[in-house]
Amino acid sequence: MRNPVNPLIFRISDAKFWQKIHETVHEPGGVYKLFSMKNGQRTPVNRSLGTDPNGILYIGKATSFLDRVINLKKSIAPEYNSASHKGGLRYKSNKKIASLFPYEDLHIEILPSIAPGLLESEELAQYKEVFGEVPPMNAI
């Protein structure tokens, strides 16, 4: 169950990213959302049916947050050359996305769940219903 008052948000470029997730998240899996935030404000993303004020760039599921979110970080991080996450590949291959949403501003919100696949489907369906499409780094 989500706790909107205290969401589990982690900055990808944080040197202790993995350690903080390991120490904070007590469920092994669930859904994660990638977004950009600068000066405490989320960066809005223009979509076909309006602007996403939460700036969601990617929604994914994980049976193990440590494994899956680490794959995303490695696929996005400038110091890594990894192809282990398709969302990360889309980020690095699209210079416009990378320039609008710099690596240093990227964050992950974690939504623990015992049914990650179901929660991911629900989150993607809700997003698509509101904005007419999936987040920009999700598969089309």
C-alpha atoms as a PDB file:
ATOM      1  CA  MET A   1       0.000   0.000   0.000  1.00  0.00           C
ATOM      2  CA  ARG A   2       1.290   3.455  -0.876  1.00  0.00           C
ATOM      3  CA  ASN A   3       2.040   6.197   1.603  1.00  0.00           C
ATOM      4  CA  PRO A   4       1.582   9.485  -0.310  1.00  0.00           C
ATOM      5  CA  VAL A   5       2.644  11.547   2.710  1.00  0.00           C
ATOM      6  CA  ASN A   6       6.106   9.964   2.806  1.00  0.00           C
ATOM      7  CA  PRO A   7       6.831   8.614  -0.660  1.00  0.00           C
ATOM      8  CA  LEU A   8       9.966   6.572  -1.139  1.00  0.00           C
ATOM      9  CA  ILE A   9      11.989   8.855  -3.405  1.00  0.00           C
ATOM     10  CA  PHE A  10      15.678   8.443  -4.196  1.00  0.00           C
ATOM     11  CA  ARG A  11      18.032  10.538  -6.336  1.00  0.00           C
ATOM     12  CA  ILE A  12      19.716   8.300  -8.916  1.00  0.00           C
ATOM     13  CA  SER A  13      23.020  10.192  -8.846  1.00  0.00           C
ATOM     14  CA  ASP A  14      23.296   9.857  -5.049  1.00  0.00           C
ATOM     15  CA  ALA A  15      26.524   8.005  -4.205  1.00  0.00           C
ATOM     16  CA  LYS A  16      24.592   5.940  -1.629  1.00  0.00           C
ATOM     17  CA  PHE A  17      21.625   5.248  -3.940  1.00  0.00           C
ATOM     18  CA  TRP A  18      21.717   1.449  -3.591  1.00  0.00           C
ATOM     19  CA  GLN A  19      22.438   1.548   0.127  1.00  0.00           C
ATOM     20  CA  LYS A  20      19.512   3.909   0.808  1.00  0.00           C
ATOM     21  CA  ILE A  21      17.098   1.714  -1.142  1.00  0.00           C
ATOM     22  CA  HIS A  22      18.345  -1.396   0.668  1.00  0.00           C
ATOM     23  CA  GLU A  23      17.994   0.263   4.095  1.00  0.00           C
ATOM     24  CA  THR A  24      14.629   1.934   3.431  1.00  0.00           C
ATOM     25  CA  VAL A  25      12.563  -0.383   1.260  1.00  0.00           C
ATOM     26  CA  HIS A  26      11.337  -3.398   3.177  1.00  0.00           C
ATOM     27  CA  GLU A  27       9.435  -5.088   0.338  1.00  0.00           C
ATOM     28  CA  PRO A  28      11.568  -6.766  -2.325  1.00  0.00           C
ATOM     29  CA  GLY A  29       9.509  -5.548  -5.275  1.00  0.00           C
ATOM     30  CA  GLY A  30       6.759  -3.384  -6.673  1.00  0.00           C
ATOM     31  CA  VAL A  31       6.643  -0.472  -9.093  1.00  0.00           C
ATOM     32  CA  TYR A  32       9.153   2.298  -9.658  1.00  0.00           C
ATOM     33  CA  LYS A  33       8.680   5.594 -11.440  1.00  0.00           C
ATOM     34  CA  LEU A  34      11.483   7.644 -12.948  1.00  0.00           C
ATOM     35  CA  PHE A  35      11.060  11.422 -12.932  1.00  0.00           C
ATOM     36  CA  SER A  36      13.112  14.597 -12.953  1.00  0.00           C
ATOM     37  CA  MET A  37      13.169  17.059 -10.073  1.00  0.00           C
ATOM     38  CA  LYS A  38      15.107  20.291  -9.673  1.00  0.00           C
ATOM     39  CA  ASN A  39      15.131  22.499  -6.563  1.00  0.00           C
ATOM     40  CA  GLY A  40      12.447  20.343  -4.976  1.00  0.00           C
ATOM     41  CA  GLN A  41      10.057  20.756  -7.919  1.00  0.00           C
ATOM     42  CA  ARG A  42       9.182  18.004 -10.368  1.00  0.00           C
ATOM     43  CA  THR A  43       9.885  18.815 -13.997  1.00  0.00           C
ATOM     44  CA  PRO A  44       6.612  18.687 -15.984  1.00  0.00           C
ATOM     45  CA  VAL A  45       6.448  16.564 -19.144  1.00  0.00           C
ATOM     46  CA  ASN A  46       4.321  17.570 -22.125  1.00  0.00           C
ATOM     47  CA  ARG A  47       2.124  14.719 -23.356  1.00  0.00           C
ATOM     48  CA  SER A  48      -0.354  14.462 -26.223  1.00  0.00           C
ATOM     49  CA  LEU A  49      -3.400  15.138 -24.014  1.00  0.00           C
ATOM     50  CA  GLY A  50      -1.836  17.631 -21.602  1.00  0.00           C
ATOM     51  CA  THR A  51       1.091  18.220 -19.314  1.00  0.00           C
ATOM     52  CA  ASP A  52       2.081  15.666 -16.688  1.00  0.00           C
ATOM     53  CA  PRO A  53       2.869  17.827 -13.631  1.00  0.00           C
ATOM     54  CA  ASN A  54       4.530  14.829 -11.933  1.00  0.00           C
ATOM     55  CA  GLY A  55       6.982  14.510 -14.830  1.00  0.00           C
ATOM     56  CA  ILE A  56       6.878  10.720 -15.045  1.00  0.00           C
ATOM     57  CA  LEU A  57       9.452   9.523 -17.579  1.00  0.00           C
ATOM     58  CA  TYR A  58       9.174   5.790 -16.984  1.00  0.00           C
ATOM     59  CA  ILE A  59       7.018   3.323 -15.044  1.00  0.00           C
ATOM     60  CA  GLY A  60       8.413  -0.147 -14.422  1.00  0.00           C
ATOM     61  CA  LYS A  61       7.964  -3.199 -12.238  1.00  0.00           C
ATOM     62  CA  ALA A  62      10.504  -5.059 -10.173  1.00  0.00           C
ATOM     63  CA  THR A  63      10.471  -8.329  -8.305  1.00  0.00           C
ATOM     64  CA  SER A  64      13.702  -7.052  -6.741  1.00  0.00           C
ATOM     65  CA  PHE A  65      14.103  -3.286  -6.495  1.00  0.00           C
ATOM     66  CA  LEU A  66      17.838  -3.565  -5.967  1.00  0.00           C
ATOM     67  CA  ASP A  67      18.365  -5.555  -9.163  1.00  0.00           C
ATOM     68  CA  ARG A  68      15.957  -3.734 -11.465  1.00  0.00           C
ATOM     69  CA  VAL A  69      16.519  -0.159 -10.289  1.00  0.00           C
ATOM     70  CA  ILE A  70      20.278  -0.703 -10.327  1.00  0.00           C
ATOM     71  CA  ASN A  71      19.966  -1.883 -13.951  1.00  0.00           C
ATOM     72  CA  LEU A  72      18.092   1.334 -14.762  1.00  0.00           C
ATOM     73  CA  LYS A  73      20.721   3.471 -13.041  1.00  0.00           C
ATOM     74  CA  LYS A  74      23.559   1.730 -14.883  1.00  0.00           C
ATOM     75  CA  SER A  75      21.766   2.121 -18.209  1.00  0.00           C
ATOM     76  CA  ILE A  76      21.298   5.872 -17.635  1.00  0.00           C
ATOM     77  CA  ALA A  77      24.467   6.870 -15.762  1.00  0.00           C
ATOM     78  CA  PRO A  78      27.151   8.552 -17.875  1.00  0.00           C
ATOM     79  CA  GLU A  79      29.935   6.503 -16.264  1.00  0.00           C
ATOM     80  CA  TYR A  80      28.351   3.159 -17.224  1.00  0.00           C
ATOM     81  CA  ASN A  81      27.966   1.512 -20.601  1.00  0.00           C
ATOM     82  CA  SER A  82      25.132  -0.887 -19.921  1.00  0.00           C
ATOM     83  CA  ALA A  83      22.255  -2.093 -22.046  1.00  0.00           C
ATOM     84  CA  SER A  84      20.518  -3.949 -19.215  1.00  0.00           C
ATOM     85  CA  HIS A  85      17.413  -1.723 -19.131  1.00  0.00           C
ATOM     86  CA  LYS A  86      15.426  -0.649 -22.199  1.00  0.00           C
ATOM     87  CA  GLY A  87      14.193   2.539 -20.500  1.00  0.00           C
ATOM     88  CA  GLY A  88      17.787   3.518 -19.853  1.00  0.00           C
ATOM     89  CA  LEU A  89      18.688   2.814 -23.468  1.00  0.00           C
ATOM     90  CA  ARG A  90      15.882   5.115 -24.604  1.00  0.00           C
ATOM     91  CA  TYR A  91      17.229   7.829 -22.294  1.00  0.00           C
ATOM     92  CA  LYS A  92      20.786   7.622 -23.639  1.00  0.00           C
ATOM     93  CA  SER A  93      19.738   7.271 -27.274  1.00  0.00           C
ATOM     94  CA  ASN A  94      17.469  10.335 -27.219  1.00  0.00           C
ATOM     95  CA  LYS A  95      19.604  13.456 -26.766  1.00  0.00           C
ATOM     96  CA  LYS A  96      16.500  15.637 -26.327  1.00  0.00           C
ATOM     97  CA  ILE A  97      15.257  13.606 -23.342  1.00  0.00           C
ATOM     98  CA  ALA A  98      18.747  13.607 -21.796  1.00  0.00           C
ATOM     99  CA  SER A  99      19.094  17.390 -22.240  1.00  0.00           C
ATOM    100  CA  LEU A 100      15.618  18.214 -20.877  1.00  0.00           C
ATOM    101  CA  PHE A 101      15.988  15.815 -17.947  1.00  0.00           C
ATOM    102  CA  PRO A 102      19.671  15.760 -16.881  1.00  0.00           C
ATOM    103  CA  TYR A 103      21.022  12.699 -15.068  1.00  0.00           C
ATOM    104  CA  GLU A 104      21.727  14.743 -11.929  1.00  0.00           C
ATOM    105  CA  ASP A 105      18.010  15.632 -11.657  1.00  0.00           C
ATOM    106  CA  LEU A 106      16.629  12.104 -12.064  1.00  0.00           C
ATOM    107  CA  HIS A 107      14.820  10.460  -9.172  1.00  0.00           C
ATOM    108  CA  ILE A 108      13.067   7.164  -8.550  1.00  0.00           C
ATOM    109  CA  GLU A 109       9.831   6.821  -6.616  1.00  0.00           C
ATOM    110  CA  ILE A 110       9.285   3.325  -5.261  1.00  0.00           C
ATOM    111  CA  LEU A 111       5.855   1.816  -4.659  1.00  0.00           C
ATOM    112  CA  PRO A 112       6.274  -1.514  -2.832  1.00  0.00           C
ATOM    113  CA  SER A 113       3.759  -4.221  -3.749  1.00  0.00           C
ATOM    114  CA  ILE A 114       3.283  -7.952  -3.432  1.00  0.00           C
ATOM    115  CA  ALA A 115       1.808  -7.884  -6.970  1.00  0.00           C
ATOM    116  CA  PRO A 116       4.243  -5.778  -9.054  1.00  0.00           C
ATOM    117  CA  GLY A 117       2.853  -6.816 -12.444  1.00  0.00           C
ATOM    118  CA  LEU A 118      -0.711  -5.910 -11.517  1.00  0.00           C
ATOM    119  CA  LEU A 119       0.317  -2.565  -9.996  1.00  0.00           C
ATOM    120  CA  GLU A 120       2.445  -1.703 -13.043  1.00  0.00           C
ATOM    121  CA  SER A 121      -0.478  -2.470 -15.371  1.00  0.00           C
ATOM    122  CA  GLU A 122      -2.776  -0.268 -13.285  1.00  0.00           C
ATOM    123  CA  GLU A 123      -0.275   2.612 -13.155  1.00  0.00           C
ATOM    124  CA  LEU A 124       0.375   2.483 -16.922  1.00  0.00           C
ATOM    125  CA  ALA A 125      -3.367   2.260 -17.708  1.00  0.00           C
ATOM    126  CA  GLN A 126      -4.119   5.270 -15.485  1.00  0.00           C
ATOM    127  CA  TYR A 127      -1.303   7.271 -17.047  1.00  0.00           C
ATOM    128  CA  LYS A 128      -2.424   6.387 -20.570  1.00  0.00           C
ATOM    129  CA  GLU A 129      -6.038   7.268 -19.803  1.00  0.00           C
ATOM    130  CA  VAL A 130      -5.070  10.727 -18.558  1.00  0.00           C
ATOM    131  CA  PHE A 131      -2.314  11.573 -21.073  1.00  0.00           C
ATOM    132  CA  GLY A 132      -3.237   9.448 -24.105  1.00  0.00           C
ATOM    133  CA  GLU A 133       0.079   7.609 -24.176  1.00  0.00           C
ATOM    134  CA  VAL A 134       2.598   5.856 -21.938  1.00  0.00           C
ATOM    135  CA  PRO A 135       5.483   7.806 -20.339  1.00  0.00           C
ATOM    136  CA  PRO A 136       8.168   8.838 -22.859  1.00  0.00           C
ATOM    137  CA  MET A 137      10.730   6.184 -21.900  1.00  0.00           C
ATOM    138  CA  ASN A 138       8.263   3.269 -21.790  1.00  0.00           C
ATOM    139  CA  ALA A 139       7.850   1.017 -24.815  1.00  0.00           C
ATOM    140  CA  ILE A 140       5.328   2.120 -27.381  1.00  0.00           C
END
